[in-house]
């Protein structure tokens, strides 16, 4: 069973990019930067996942390093998901 919680893409949604210690490593992703997502959820007996799509020239796409950098998704100023970047996919 899959549970997905799409968040509204807008002024109240943002994604911060940081290392495991909270040190900022790229520009924050705001609603206007997001091409798709964030979508987050959890499958039964699995870890939670989050997917976002940003423009190829955003600092997250350019500088985000899997397993070094982490994302925190914020909705109305509250963190709703956090975890490491597992992979970057170029289109």
C-alpha atoms as a PDB file:
ATOM      1  CA  UNK A   1       0.000   0.000   0.000  1.00  0.00           C
ATOM      2  CA  UNK A   2       1.397   3.380  -1.001  1.00  0.00           C
ATOM      3  CA  UNK A   3       0.645   6.660   0.686  1.00  0.00           C
ATOM      4  CA  UNK A   4       1.550   9.875  -1.085  1.00  0.00           C
ATOM      5  CA  UNK A   5       0.964  13.320   0.300  1.00  0.00           C
ATOM      6  CA  UNK A   6       1.325  15.917  -2.433  1.00  0.00           C
ATOM      7  CA  UNK A   7       1.898  19.349  -1.018  1.00  0.00           C
ATOM      8  CA  UNK A   8       0.588  22.532  -2.508  1.00  0.00           C
ATOM      9  CA  UNK A   9       3.167  24.253  -4.655  1.00  0.00           C
ATOM     10  CA  UNK A  10       2.978  27.873  -3.631  1.00  0.00           C
ATOM     11  CA  UNK A  11       4.145  30.562  -1.285  1.00  0.00           C
ATOM     12  CA  UNK A  12       3.651  28.314   1.777  1.00  0.00           C
ATOM     13  CA  UNK A  13       5.828  25.441   0.529  1.00  0.00           C
ATOM     14  CA  UNK A  14       9.616  25.474   0.507  1.00  0.00           C
ATOM     15  CA  UNK A  15      12.507  23.030   0.573  1.00  0.00           C
ATOM     16  CA  UNK A  16      15.765  23.739   2.384  1.00  0.00           C
ATOM     17  CA  UNK A  17      18.999  22.089   1.279  1.00  0.00           C
ATOM     18  CA  UNK A  18      21.604  21.327   3.947  1.00  0.00           C
ATOM     19  CA  UNK A  19      24.147  18.811   5.153  1.00  0.00           C
ATOM     20  CA  UNK A  20      23.431  16.363   7.950  1.00  0.00           C
ATOM     21  CA  UNK A  21      24.505  18.985  10.501  1.00  0.00           C
ATOM     22  CA  UNK A  22      22.098  21.619   9.155  1.00  0.00           C
ATOM     23  CA  UNK A  23      24.713  23.690   7.302  1.00  0.00           C
ATOM     24  CA  UNK A  24      23.112  25.238   4.196  1.00  0.00           C
ATOM     25  CA  UNK A  25      24.561  23.767   0.969  1.00  0.00           C
ATOM     26  CA  UNK A  26      22.366  25.260  -1.776  1.00  0.00           C
ATOM     27  CA  UNK A  27      19.695  27.904  -2.228  1.00  0.00           C
ATOM     28  CA  UNK A  28      16.314  27.117  -0.733  1.00  0.00           C
ATOM     29  CA  UNK A  29      13.738  25.832  -3.206  1.00  0.00           C
ATOM     30  CA  UNK A  30      10.543  27.885  -3.063  1.00  0.00           C
ATOM     31  CA  UNK A  31       7.174  27.307  -4.714  1.00  0.00           C
ATOM     32  CA  UNK A  32       8.196  29.376  -7.723  1.00  0.00           C
ATOM     33  CA  UNK A  33      11.331  27.211  -8.246  1.00  0.00           C
ATOM     34  CA  UNK A  34       9.463  23.916  -8.158  1.00  0.00           C
ATOM     35  CA  UNK A  35       8.539  22.368 -11.471  1.00  0.00           C
ATOM     36  CA  UNK A  36       6.898  19.401  -9.734  1.00  0.00           C
ATOM     37  CA  UNK A  37       6.400  18.316  -6.157  1.00  0.00           C
ATOM     38  CA  UNK A  38       7.291  18.043  -3.460  1.00  0.00           C
ATOM     39  CA  UNK A  39       5.609  14.668  -3.174  1.00  0.00           C
ATOM     40  CA  UNK A  40       6.335  12.655  -0.088  1.00  0.00           C
ATOM     41  CA  UNK A  41       4.997   9.536   1.560  1.00  0.00           C
ATOM     42  CA  UNK A  42       5.688   6.149   3.006  1.00  0.00           C
ATOM     43  CA  UNK A  43       5.013   2.621   1.825  1.00  0.00           C
ATOM     44  CA  UNK A  44       4.217  -0.053   4.370  1.00  0.00           C
ATOM     45  CA  UNK A  45       7.433  -1.377   5.977  1.00  0.00           C
ATOM     46  CA  UNK A  46       9.580   0.985   3.872  1.00  0.00           C
ATOM     47  CA  UNK A  47      11.401   4.238   4.469  1.00  0.00           C
ATOM     48  CA  UNK A  48       9.707   7.489   3.541  1.00  0.00           C
ATOM     49  CA  UNK A  49      10.480   9.135   0.203  1.00  0.00           C
ATOM     50  CA  UNK A  50      10.264  12.601  -1.269  1.00  0.00           C
ATOM     51  CA  UNK A  51      10.504  13.713  -4.884  1.00  0.00           C
ATOM     52  CA  UNK A  52      10.934  17.227  -6.221  1.00  0.00           C
ATOM     53  CA  UNK A  53      11.726  18.620  -9.661  1.00  0.00           C
ATOM     54  CA  UNK A  54      13.689  21.842 -10.051  1.00  0.00           C
ATOM     55  CA  UNK A  55      15.040  23.678 -13.107  1.00  0.00           C
ATOM     56  CA  UNK A  56      18.397  22.342 -14.323  1.00  0.00           C
ATOM     57  CA  UNK A  57      20.110  25.641 -13.476  1.00  0.00           C
ATOM     58  CA  UNK A  58      18.944  25.757  -9.830  1.00  0.00           C
ATOM     59  CA  UNK A  59      21.803  25.427  -7.324  1.00  0.00           C
ATOM     60  CA  UNK A  60      20.239  22.218  -5.985  1.00  0.00           C
ATOM     61  CA  UNK A  61      20.460  20.597  -9.433  1.00  0.00           C
ATOM     62  CA  UNK A  62      23.997  21.908  -9.958  1.00  0.00           C
ATOM     63  CA  UNK A  63      25.465  21.425  -6.462  1.00  0.00           C
ATOM     64  CA  UNK A  64      23.280  18.833  -4.715  1.00  0.00           C
ATOM     65  CA  UNK A  65      25.342  15.748  -3.852  1.00  0.00           C
ATOM     66  CA  UNK A  66      23.591  12.453  -3.020  1.00  0.00           C
ATOM     67  CA  UNK A  67      24.160  11.227   0.555  1.00  0.00           C
ATOM     68  CA  UNK A  68      26.030  14.438   1.476  1.00  0.00           C
ATOM     69  CA  UNK A  69      23.114  16.854   1.131  1.00  0.00           C
ATOM     70  CA  UNK A  70      19.724  16.607   2.788  1.00  0.00           C
ATOM     71  CA  UNK A  71      16.327  18.143   2.042  1.00  0.00           C
ATOM     72  CA  UNK A  72      13.762  19.422   4.498  1.00  0.00           C
ATOM     73  CA  UNK A  73      10.288  20.135   3.140  1.00  0.00           C
ATOM     74  CA  UNK A  74       8.442  22.956   4.917  1.00  0.00           C
ATOM     75  CA  UNK A  75       4.721  23.683   4.793  1.00  0.00           C
ATOM     76  CA  UNK A  76       3.470  26.850   6.518  1.00  0.00           C
ATOM     77  CA  UNK A  77       6.815  27.148   8.332  1.00  0.00           C
ATOM     78  CA  UNK A  78       6.665  23.617   9.796  1.00  0.00           C
ATOM     79  CA  UNK A  79       8.975  20.761   8.719  1.00  0.00           C
ATOM     80  CA  UNK A  80       6.938  17.890   7.240  1.00  0.00           C
ATOM     81  CA  UNK A  81       9.705  15.723   5.754  1.00  0.00           C
ATOM     82  CA  UNK A  82      13.487  15.498   5.959  1.00  0.00           C
ATOM     83  CA  UNK A  83      16.021  13.088   4.515  1.00  0.00           C
ATOM     84  CA  UNK A  84      19.124  12.696   2.376  1.00  0.00           C
ATOM     85  CA  UNK A  85      19.254  13.220  -1.371  1.00  0.00           C
ATOM     86  CA  UNK A  86      19.557   9.689  -2.759  1.00  0.00           C
ATOM     87  CA  UNK A  87      20.007  10.516  -6.431  1.00  0.00           C
ATOM     88  CA  UNK A  88      19.886  13.319  -8.961  1.00  0.00           C
ATOM     89  CA  UNK A  89      18.298  12.591 -12.310  1.00  0.00           C
ATOM     90  CA  UNK A  90      19.091  14.712 -15.356  1.00  0.00           C
ATOM     91  CA  UNK A  91      16.469  14.979 -18.068  1.00  0.00           C
END
